[in-house]
Amino acid sequence: KLDVRPAYSISLPMFGKSARAKFQVNAPSLTESGGLTTTLFQANGAPAQYRILDPRTFFVTTTFDF
């Protein structure tokens, strides 16, 4: 599992003052592509239970500090 969170900060003039803006892209589970994985096996080795893996997702957030 690979989590990636690159960010970029910049100072912007707003309302006569300087405000700091931060832009961030969050990519939890960057290497996941979704699907099924076996979580439980029967005594003979056959799969008995599966779990659904979440697909790759991205979140973009922006924060401002005045």
Protein backbone atom coordinates (compact mmCIF):
# COMPACT_ATOMS: atom_id res chain seq x y z
CA LYS A 1 0.00 0.00 0.00
CA LEU A 2 1.46 3.32 -1.07
CA ASP A 3 0.02 6.64 0.16
CA VAL A 4 1.06 9.81 -1.70
CA ARG A 5 0.30 13.38 -0.54
CA PRO A 6 2.16 16.01 -2.61
CA ALA A 7 1.47 19.62 -1.62
CA TYR A 8 2.27 23.12 -2.88
CA SER A 9 2.08 26.32 -0.81
CA ILE A 10 1.95 29.88 -2.11
CA SER A 11 1.47 33.33 -0.62
CA LEU A 12 -1.41 35.30 -2.18
CA PRO A 13 -2.46 38.93 -1.70
CA MET A 14 -6.09 38.94 -0.49
CA PHE A 15 -8.11 41.82 0.95
CA GLY A 16 -5.00 43.95 1.41
CA LYS A 17 -3.20 41.23 3.39
CA SER A 18 -1.06 38.25 2.53
CA ALA A 19 -2.77 34.87 2.76
CA ARG A 20 -1.11 31.48 2.51
CA ALA A 21 -2.78 28.94 0.24
CA LYS A 22 -1.94 25.24 0.31
CA PHE A 23 -2.96 22.90 -2.49
CA GLN A 24 -2.68 19.17 -1.80
CA VAL A 25 -3.45 16.00 -3.75
CA ASN A 26 -4.09 12.95 -1.56
CA ALA A 27 -3.82 9.53 -3.16
CA PRO A 28 -4.37 6.84 -0.54
CA SER A 29 -3.63 3.34 -1.81
CA LEU A 30 -2.02 4.59 -5.00
CA THR A 31 -1.00 1.08 -6.06
CA GLU A 32 -4.43 -0.50 -5.50
CA SER A 33 -6.68 -1.13 -8.48
CA GLY A 34 -9.67 -2.63 -6.67
CA GLY A 35 -11.02 -6.16 -6.96
CA LEU A 36 -11.36 -9.13 -4.61
CA THR A 37 -8.92 -10.73 -2.19
CA THR A 38 -9.32 -13.98 -0.30
CA THR A 39 -9.56 -13.57 3.48
CA LEU A 40 -10.57 -17.06 4.65
CA PHE A 41 -9.78 -20.55 3.38
CA GLN A 42 -11.47 -23.90 3.94
CA ALA A 43 -9.54 -26.87 5.38
CA ASN A 44 -8.86 -28.22 1.88
CA GLY A 45 -7.33 -24.88 0.76
CA ALA A 46 -10.29 -23.66 -1.26
CA PRO A 47 -11.32 -20.00 -0.78
CA ALA A 48 -14.23 -19.55 1.64
CA GLN A 49 -14.52 -15.77 2.03
CA TYR A 50 -13.56 -12.71 -0.02
CA ARG A 51 -13.09 -9.02 0.70
CA ILE A 52 -13.70 -6.17 -1.76
CA LEU A 53 -10.65 -3.91 -2.15
CA ASP A 54 -11.36 -0.22 -2.62
CA PRO A 55 -10.22 1.18 -5.97
CA ARG A 56 -7.59 3.89 -6.34
CA THR A 57 -8.97 7.28 -5.24
CA PHE A 58 -7.74 10.87 -5.38
CA PHE A 59 -8.69 13.85 -3.21
CA VAL A 60 -7.78 17.46 -3.91
CA THR A 61 -7.86 19.86 -0.95
CA THR A 62 -7.17 23.57 -0.68
CA THR A 63 -6.64 25.43 2.60
CA PHE A 64 -6.17 29.15 3.26
CA ASP A 65 -4.46 30.75 6.28
CA PHE A 66 -5.25 34.46 6.77
